[in-house]
């Protein structure tokens, strides 16, 4: 299958390599660009909360000893590779992350390192559960203005069989671009929330991963 990869870099290239190892042809078309944001982070947090792997490159090495709670295994892997050994994965979504953090009940300040407008509801729920939580924006996601020429040509020619969508923000950005050819494509969504953001375009079908993992996403291509 020819599969459109809409997630931003560096994840896009990593996903493309996995698709090609499975025998698919990956076409890169990130619908967002990511840039780090200078943030004032507390000097000695009790724990970090990470809702997206995009935050990992923005974390200071001085925090490497701090326990980290993250939403999924892919992000956990990126954290460990970046030198953060004390990582626990919720292996799911924001609800699973909430359950993990509240189950651990660490005393002290929890810092959520997130993107702009991300993690607001989770932070409010954690505070309501009695935890001390502060949000800090460490990166910004900006919608791209156009689909790359090679991907647009493949879409217009009706050559793309499926597209992968890892976040509602990426899905909304893609829909706003009104690309051609989607009526013959399968949209593969990481979660029901991501699937909901795809409804502005015609699709052959929208499939939702059984669990919010990349392996379950790629299983939708079978």
C-alpha atoms as a PDB file:
ATOM      1  CA  UNK A   1       0.000   0.000   0.000  1.00  0.00           C
ATOM      2  CA  UNK A   2       0.984   3.629  -0.495  1.00  0.00           C
ATOM      3  CA  UNK A   3       0.543   5.229   2.917  1.00  0.00           C
ATOM      4  CA  UNK A   4       0.536   8.930   3.739  1.00  0.00           C
ATOM      5  CA  UNK A   5       2.338   9.822   6.979  1.00  0.00           C
ATOM      6  CA  UNK A   6       0.942  13.057   8.429  1.00  0.00           C
ATOM      7  CA  UNK A   7       2.762  13.223  11.768  1.00  0.00           C
ATOM      8  CA  UNK A   8       5.523  15.837  12.189  1.00  0.00           C
ATOM      9  CA  UNK A   9       9.224  15.113  12.255  1.00  0.00           C
ATOM     10  CA  UNK A  10      11.172  13.436  13.740  1.00  0.00           C
ATOM     11  CA  UNK A  11       8.407  10.878  14.149  1.00  0.00           C
ATOM     12  CA  UNK A  12       7.416  10.968  10.466  1.00  0.00           C
ATOM     13  CA  UNK A  13      10.681   9.493   9.198  1.00  0.00           C
ATOM     14  CA  UNK A  14      10.716   6.819  11.908  1.00  0.00           C
ATOM     15  CA  UNK A  15       7.162   5.785  10.981  1.00  0.00           C
ATOM     16  CA  UNK A  16       8.080   5.743   7.290  1.00  0.00           C
ATOM     17  CA  UNK A  17      10.923   3.321   8.009  1.00  0.00           C
ATOM     18  CA  UNK A  18       8.573   0.987   9.889  1.00  0.00           C
ATOM     19  CA  UNK A  19       6.025   1.082   7.063  1.00  0.00           C
ATOM     20  CA  UNK A  20       8.659   0.254   4.486  1.00  0.00           C
ATOM     21  CA  UNK A  21       9.895  -2.635   6.628  1.00  0.00           C
ATOM     22  CA  UNK A  22       6.343  -4.005   6.410  1.00  0.00           C
ATOM     23  CA  UNK A  23       6.383  -3.726   2.626  1.00  0.00           C
ATOM     24  CA  UNK A  24       4.407  -0.494   2.258  1.00  0.00           C
ATOM     25  CA  UNK A  25       5.481   2.657   0.455  1.00  0.00           C
ATOM     26  CA  UNK A  26       5.514   5.671   2.768  1.00  0.00           C
ATOM     27  CA  UNK A  27       4.765   9.171   1.507  1.00  0.00           C
ATOM     28  CA  UNK A  28       5.746  11.922   3.937  1.00  0.00           C
ATOM     29  CA  UNK A  29       3.254  14.751   4.345  1.00  0.00           C
ATOM     30  CA  UNK A  30       3.580  16.194   7.871  1.00  0.00           C
ATOM     31  CA  UNK A  31       0.666  18.518   8.543  1.00  0.00           C
ATOM     32  CA  UNK A  32       2.416  20.240  11.461  1.00  0.00           C
ATOM     33  CA  UNK A  33       5.847  21.682  12.112  1.00  0.00           C
ATOM     34  CA  UNK A  34       7.300  21.647  15.630  1.00  0.00           C
ATOM     35  CA  UNK A  35       9.549  24.284  17.176  1.00  0.00           C
ATOM     36  CA  UNK A  36      10.969  24.350  20.714  1.00  0.00           C
ATOM     37  CA  UNK A  37       9.850  27.122  23.053  1.00  0.00           C
ATOM     38  CA  UNK A  38      12.067  28.504  25.794  1.00  0.00           C
ATOM     39  CA  UNK A  39      10.281  27.757  29.060  1.00  0.00           C
ATOM     40  CA  UNK A  40      10.918  28.633  32.683  1.00  0.00           C
ATOM     41  CA  UNK A  41      10.924  25.237  34.328  1.00  0.00           C
ATOM     42  CA  UNK A  42      10.963  24.819  38.127  1.00  0.00           C
ATOM     43  CA  UNK A  43      14.373  23.864  39.449  1.00  0.00           C
ATOM     44  CA  UNK A  44      13.445  20.735  41.398  1.00  0.00           C
ATOM     45  CA  UNK A  45      10.189  19.064  40.310  1.00  0.00           C
ATOM     46  CA  UNK A  46       9.056  15.861  41.973  1.00  0.00           C
ATOM     47  CA  UNK A  47       7.949  14.415  38.633  1.00  0.00           C
ATOM     48  CA  UNK A  48       7.491  15.223  34.960  1.00  0.00           C
ATOM     49  CA  UNK A  49       4.328  14.496  32.986  1.00  0.00           C
ATOM     50  CA  UNK A  50       4.751  14.110  29.225  1.00  0.00           C
ATOM     51  CA  UNK A  51       1.719  13.878  26.940  1.00  0.00           C
ATOM     52  CA  UNK A  52       3.636  13.783  23.642  1.00  0.00           C
ATOM     53  CA  UNK A  53       7.026  12.645  22.406  1.00  0.00           C
ATOM     54  CA  UNK A  54       7.455  16.096  20.845  1.00  0.00           C
ATOM     55  CA  UNK A  55       8.323  17.412  24.312  1.00  0.00           C
ATOM     56  CA  UNK A  56      11.299  15.080  24.787  1.00  0.00           C
ATOM     57  CA  UNK A  57      13.968  17.092  22.892  1.00  0.00           C
ATOM     58  CA  UNK A  58      12.918  20.181  24.873  1.00  0.00           C
ATOM     59  CA  UNK A  59      13.625  18.704  28.315  1.00  0.00           C
ATOM     60  CA  UNK A  60      16.812  19.881  30.069  1.00  0.00           C
ATOM     61  CA  UNK A  61      19.426  17.188  30.862  1.00  0.00           C
ATOM     62  CA  UNK A  62      19.399  18.415  34.473  1.00  0.00           C
ATOM     63  CA  UNK A  63      16.005  16.712  34.844  1.00  0.00           C
ATOM     64  CA  UNK A  64      17.335  13.275  33.896  1.00  0.00           C
ATOM     65  CA  UNK A  65      17.093  12.041  37.506  1.00  0.00           C
ATOM     66  CA  UNK A  66      13.425  13.052  37.831  1.00  0.00           C
ATOM     67  CA  UNK A  67      10.659  10.403  37.569  1.00  0.00           C
ATOM     68  CA  UNK A  68       8.702  10.786  34.331  1.00  0.00           C
ATOM     69  CA  UNK A  69       5.155   9.691  33.573  1.00  0.00           C
ATOM     70  CA  UNK A  70       4.294   9.548  29.879  1.00  0.00           C
ATOM     71  CA  UNK A  71       1.305   8.621  27.782  1.00  0.00           C
ATOM     72  CA  UNK A  72       2.684   5.736  25.701  1.00  0.00           C
ATOM     73  CA  UNK A  73       5.504   3.306  25.047  1.00  0.00           C
ATOM     74  CA  UNK A  74       6.869   5.154  22.003  1.00  0.00           C
ATOM     75  CA  UNK A  75       7.337   8.298  24.085  1.00  0.00           C
ATOM     76  CA  UNK A  76       8.848   6.211  26.882  1.00  0.00           C
ATOM     77  CA  UNK A  77      11.401   4.872  24.420  1.00  0.00           C
ATOM     78  CA  UNK A  78      12.315   8.375  23.273  1.00  0.00           C
ATOM     79  CA  UNK A  79      12.724   9.482  26.887  1.00  0.00           C
ATOM     80  CA  UNK A  80      15.048   6.604  27.746  1.00  0.00           C
ATOM     81  CA  UNK A  81      17.084   7.205  24.590  1.00  0.00           C
ATOM     82  CA  UNK A  82      17.414  10.861  25.636  1.00  0.00           C
ATOM     83  CA  UNK A  83      18.877   9.847  29.011  1.00  0.00           C
ATOM     84  CA  UNK A  84      15.804   9.674  31.257  1.00  0.00           C
ATOM     85  CA  UNK A  85      15.926   6.236  32.953  1.00  0.00           C
ATOM     86  CA  UNK A  86      13.089   6.715  35.483  1.00  0.00           C
ATOM     87  CA  UNK A  87      10.189   6.474  33.041  1.00  0.00           C
ATOM     88  CA  UNK A  88       6.754   4.923  33.447  1.00  0.00           C
ATOM     89  CA  UNK A  89       4.421   4.573  30.470  1.00  0.00           C
ATOM     90  CA  UNK A  90       0.641   4.731  30.813  1.00  0.00           C
ATOM     91  CA  UNK A  91       0.435   2.596  27.648  1.00  0.00           C
ATOM     92  CA  UNK A  92      -2.652   4.376  26.457  1.00  0.00           C
ATOM     93  CA  UNK A  93      -4.216   7.815  26.328  1.00  0.00           C
ATOM     94  CA  UNK A  94      -4.752  10.821  28.609  1.00  0.00           C
ATOM     95  CA  UNK A  95      -7.197   8.864  30.763  1.00  0.00           C
ATOM     96  CA  UNK A  96      -4.610   6.125  31.311  1.00  0.00           C
ATOM     97  CA  UNK A  97      -1.988   8.749  32.122  1.00  0.00           C
ATOM     98  CA  UNK A  98      -4.313  10.312  34.695  1.00  0.00           C
ATOM     99  CA  UNK A  99      -4.793   6.937  36.373  1.00  0.00           C
ATOM    100  CA  UNK A 100      -1.051   6.251  36.428  1.00  0.00           C
ATOM    101  CA  UNK A 101      -0.079   9.608  37.950  1.00  0.00           C
ATOM    102  CA  UNK A 102      -2.819   9.537  40.580  1.00  0.00           C
ATOM    103  CA  UNK A 103      -1.993   5.942  41.495  1.00  0.00           C
ATOM    104  CA  UNK A 104       1.638   6.848  42.224  1.00  0.00           C
ATOM    105  CA  UNK A 105       0.682   9.865  44.393  1.00  0.00           C
ATOM    106  CA  UNK A 106       4.173  11.350  44.464  1.00  0.00           C
ATOM    107  CA  UNK A 107       4.504  14.256  46.862  1.00  0.00           C
ATOM    108  CA  UNK A 108       5.654  17.582  45.478  1.00  0.00           C
ATOM    109  CA  UNK A 109       5.380  19.552  42.265  1.00  0.00           C
ATOM    110  CA  UNK A 110       4.456  17.752  39.029  1.00  0.00           C
ATOM    111  CA  UNK A 111       5.537  19.616  35.881  1.00  0.00           C
ATOM    112  CA  UNK A 112       3.640  18.969  32.671  1.00  0.00           C
ATOM    113  CA  UNK A 113       5.918  19.703  29.698  1.00  0.00           C
ATOM    114  CA  UNK A 114       3.482  20.165  26.833  1.00  0.00           C
ATOM    115  CA  UNK A 115       2.667  21.942  23.605  1.00  0.00           C
ATOM    116  CA  UNK A 116       0.582  25.080  23.365  1.00  0.00           C
ATOM    117  CA  UNK A 117      -3.017  24.474  24.525  1.00  0.00           C
ATOM    118  CA  UNK A 118      -2.171  20.842  25.327  1.00  0.00           C
ATOM    119  CA  UNK A 119      -2.856  19.096  28.624  1.00  0.00           C
ATOM    120  CA  UNK A 120      -5.177  21.740  30.094  1.00  0.00           C
ATOM    121  CA  UNK A 121      -7.975  19.337  31.017  1.00  0.00           C
ATOM    122  CA  UNK A 122      -5.535  16.746  32.367  1.00  0.00           C
ATOM    123  CA  UNK A 123      -3.833  19.334  34.562  1.00  0.00           C
ATOM    124  CA  UNK A 124      -7.196  20.427  35.964  1.00  0.00           C
ATOM    125  CA  UNK A 125      -8.196  16.838  36.754  1.00  0.00           C
ATOM    126  CA  UNK A 126      -4.878  16.105  38.462  1.00  0.00           C
ATOM    127  CA  UNK A 127      -5.214  19.226  40.616  1.00  0.00           C
ATOM    128  CA  UNK A 128      -8.767  18.217  41.519  1.00  0.00           C
ATOM    129  CA  UNK A 129      -7.328  14.850  42.573  1.00  0.00           C
ATOM    130  CA  UNK A 130      -5.074  16.633  45.069  1.00  0.00           C
ATOM    131  CA  UNK A 131      -1.784  16.852  43.145  1.00  0.00           C
ATOM    132  CA  UNK A 132       0.292  19.982  42.717  1.00  0.00           C
ATOM    133  CA  UNK A 133       0.633  20.487  38.962  1.00  0.00           C
ATOM    134  CA  UNK A 134       2.006  23.239  36.766  1.00  0.00           C
ATOM    135  CA  UNK A 135       1.910  23.320  32.944  1.00  0.00           C
ATOM    136  CA  UNK A 136       4.830  24.622  30.932  1.00  0.00           C
ATOM    137  CA  UNK A 137       4.757  25.051  27.161  1.00  0.00           C
ATOM    138  CA  UNK A 138       8.014  23.639  25.796  1.00  0.00           C
ATOM    139  CA  UNK A 139       7.102  23.390  22.096  1.00  0.00           C
ATOM    140  CA  UNK A 140       4.686  24.873  19.585  1.00  0.00           C
ATOM    141  CA  UNK A 141       2.969  23.042  16.738  1.00  0.00           C
ATOM    142  CA  UNK A 142       2.162  25.084  13.643  1.00  0.00           C
ATOM    143  CA  UNK A 143       0.010  23.854  10.734  1.00  0.00           C
ATOM    144  CA  UNK A 144       1.839  23.687   7.418  1.00  0.00           C
ATOM    145  CA  UNK A 145       0.583  25.922   4.637  1.00  0.00           C
ATOM    146  CA  UNK A 146       0.687  23.300   1.895  1.00  0.00           C
ATOM    147  CA  UNK A 147       1.102  19.595   1.315  1.00  0.00           C
ATOM    148  CA  UNK A 148       4.543  18.683  -0.127  1.00  0.00           C
ATOM    149  CA  UNK A 149       4.513  18.588  -3.934  1.00  0.00           C
ATOM    150  CA  UNK A 150       5.319  14.865  -4.199  1.00  0.00           C
ATOM    151  CA  UNK A 151       2.545  13.914  -1.765  1.00  0.00           C
ATOM    152  CA  UNK A 152       0.050  16.276  -3.432  1.00  0.00           C
ATOM    153  CA  UNK A 153       0.763  14.741  -6.836  1.00  0.00           C
ATOM    154  CA  UNK A 154       0.199  11.231  -5.465  1.00  0.00           C
ATOM    155  CA  UNK A 155      -3.064  12.323  -3.840  1.00  0.00           C
ATOM    156  CA  UNK A 156      -4.312  14.037  -6.972  1.00  0.00           C
ATOM    157  CA  UNK A 157      -3.493  10.945  -9.058  1.00  0.00           C
ATOM    158  CA  UNK A 158      -5.456   8.740  -6.654  1.00  0.00           C
ATOM    159  CA  UNK A 159      -2.363   6.679  -5.835  1.00  0.00           C
ATOM    160  CA  UNK A 160      -2.564   6.880  -2.029  1.00  0.00           C
ATOM    161  CA  UNK A 161      -4.340   3.974  -0.333  1.00  0.00           C
ATOM    162  CA  UNK A 162      -4.286   5.089   3.295  1.00  0.00           C
ATOM    163  CA  UNK A 163      -3.192   7.838   5.677  1.00  0.00           C
ATOM    164  CA  UNK A 164      -2.011   7.638   9.289  1.00  0.00           C
ATOM    165  CA  UNK A 165      -3.147  10.212  11.857  1.00  0.00           C
ATOM    166  CA  UNK A 166      -1.552  10.260  15.306  1.00  0.00           C
ATOM    167  CA  UNK A 167      -3.162  13.342  16.844  1.00  0.00           C
ATOM    168  CA  UNK A 168      -6.349  15.355  16.534  1.00  0.00           C
ATOM    169  CA  UNK A 169      -4.251  18.458  15.904  1.00  0.00           C
ATOM    170  CA  UNK A 170      -2.521  16.841  12.914  1.00  0.00           C
ATOM    171  CA  UNK A 171      -5.872  15.575  11.635  1.00  0.00           C
ATOM    172  CA  UNK A 172      -7.469  19.034  11.832  1.00  0.00           C
ATOM    173  CA  UNK A 173      -4.500  20.611  10.068  1.00  0.00           C
ATOM    174  CA  UNK A 174      -4.740  18.032   7.272  1.00  0.00           C
ATOM    175  CA  UNK A 175      -8.491  18.553   6.857  1.00  0.00           C
ATOM    176  CA  UNK A 176      -8.018  22.329   6.583  1.00  0.00           C
ATOM    177  CA  UNK A 177      -5.735  21.780   3.570  1.00  0.00           C
ATOM    178  CA  UNK A 178      -8.641  20.100   1.677  1.00  0.00           C
ATOM    179  CA  UNK A 179      -6.422  17.606  -0.158  1.00  0.00           C
ATOM    180  CA  UNK A 180      -7.722  15.688  -3.195  1.00  0.00           C
ATOM    181  CA  UNK A 181      -8.257  11.939  -3.420  1.00  0.00           C
ATOM    182  CA  UNK A 182      -9.325  11.184   0.144  1.00  0.00           C
ATOM    183  CA  UNK A 183     -12.636   9.605  -0.904  1.00  0.00           C
ATOM    184  CA  UNK A 184     -10.717   6.522  -2.071  1.00  0.00           C
ATOM    185  CA  UNK A 185      -8.467   6.323   1.012  1.00  0.00           C
ATOM    186  CA  UNK A 186      -8.564   4.613   4.396  1.00  0.00           C
ATOM    187  CA  UNK A 187      -7.957   7.025   7.287  1.00  0.00           C
ATOM    188  CA  UNK A 188      -6.219   5.277  10.192  1.00  0.00           C
ATOM    189  CA  UNK A 189      -6.673   7.099  13.507  1.00  0.00           C
ATOM    190  CA  UNK A 190      -4.833   6.549  16.773  1.00  0.00           C
ATOM    191  CA  UNK A 191      -7.994   7.132  18.824  1.00  0.00           C
ATOM    192  CA  UNK A 192     -11.651   8.032  18.538  1.00  0.00           C
ATOM    193  CA  UNK A 193     -10.774  11.666  19.260  1.00  0.00           C
ATOM    194  CA  UNK A 194      -8.419  11.674  16.272  1.00  0.00           C
ATOM    195  CA  UNK A 195     -11.089   9.998  14.138  1.00  0.00           C
ATOM    196  CA  UNK A 196     -13.569  12.702  15.085  1.00  0.00           C
ATOM    197  CA  UNK A 197     -11.229  15.375  13.743  1.00  0.00           C
ATOM    198  CA  UNK A 198     -11.220  13.683  10.305  1.00  0.00           C
ATOM    199  CA  UNK A 199     -14.923  14.005   9.603  1.00  0.00           C
ATOM    200  CA  UNK A 200     -14.527  17.147   7.507  1.00  0.00           C
ATOM    201  CA  UNK A 201     -13.289  15.109   4.530  1.00  0.00           C
ATOM    202  CA  UNK A 202     -14.777  12.226   2.534  1.00  0.00           C
ATOM    203  CA  UNK A 203     -13.036   8.893   3.169  1.00  0.00           C
ATOM    204  CA  UNK A 204     -13.492   5.347   1.945  1.00  0.00           C
ATOM    205  CA  UNK A 205     -13.467   4.473   5.650  1.00  0.00           C
ATOM    206  CA  UNK A 206     -12.117   5.710   8.971  1.00  0.00           C
ATOM    207  CA  UNK A 207     -10.518   3.030  11.139  1.00  0.00           C
ATOM    208  CA  UNK A 208      -9.579   3.466  14.790  1.00  0.00           C
ATOM    209  CA  UNK A 209      -6.722   1.582  16.445  1.00  0.00           C
ATOM    210  CA  UNK A 210      -7.749  -0.972  19.065  1.00  0.00           C
ATOM    211  CA  UNK A 211      -5.179   0.585  21.426  1.00  0.00           C
ATOM    212  CA  UNK A 212      -3.355   3.919  21.013  1.00  0.00           C
ATOM    213  CA  UNK A 213      -0.045   2.465  19.825  1.00  0.00           C
ATOM    214  CA  UNK A 214       1.832   2.580  16.549  1.00  0.00           C
ATOM    215  CA  UNK A 215       1.660  -1.198  16.208  1.00  0.00           C
ATOM    216  CA  UNK A 216      -2.129  -1.095  16.452  1.00  0.00           C
ATOM    217  CA  UNK A 217      -2.206   1.763  13.944  1.00  0.00           C
ATOM    218  CA  UNK A 218      -0.241  -0.258  11.401  1.00  0.00           C
ATOM    219  CA  UNK A 219      -2.444  -3.285  12.013  1.00  0.00           C
ATOM    220  CA  UNK A 220      -5.273  -1.235  10.471  1.00  0.00           C
ATOM    221  CA  UNK A 221      -3.492  -1.483   7.131  1.00  0.00           C
ATOM    222  CA  UNK A 222      -3.950  -5.244   6.929  1.00  0.00           C
END
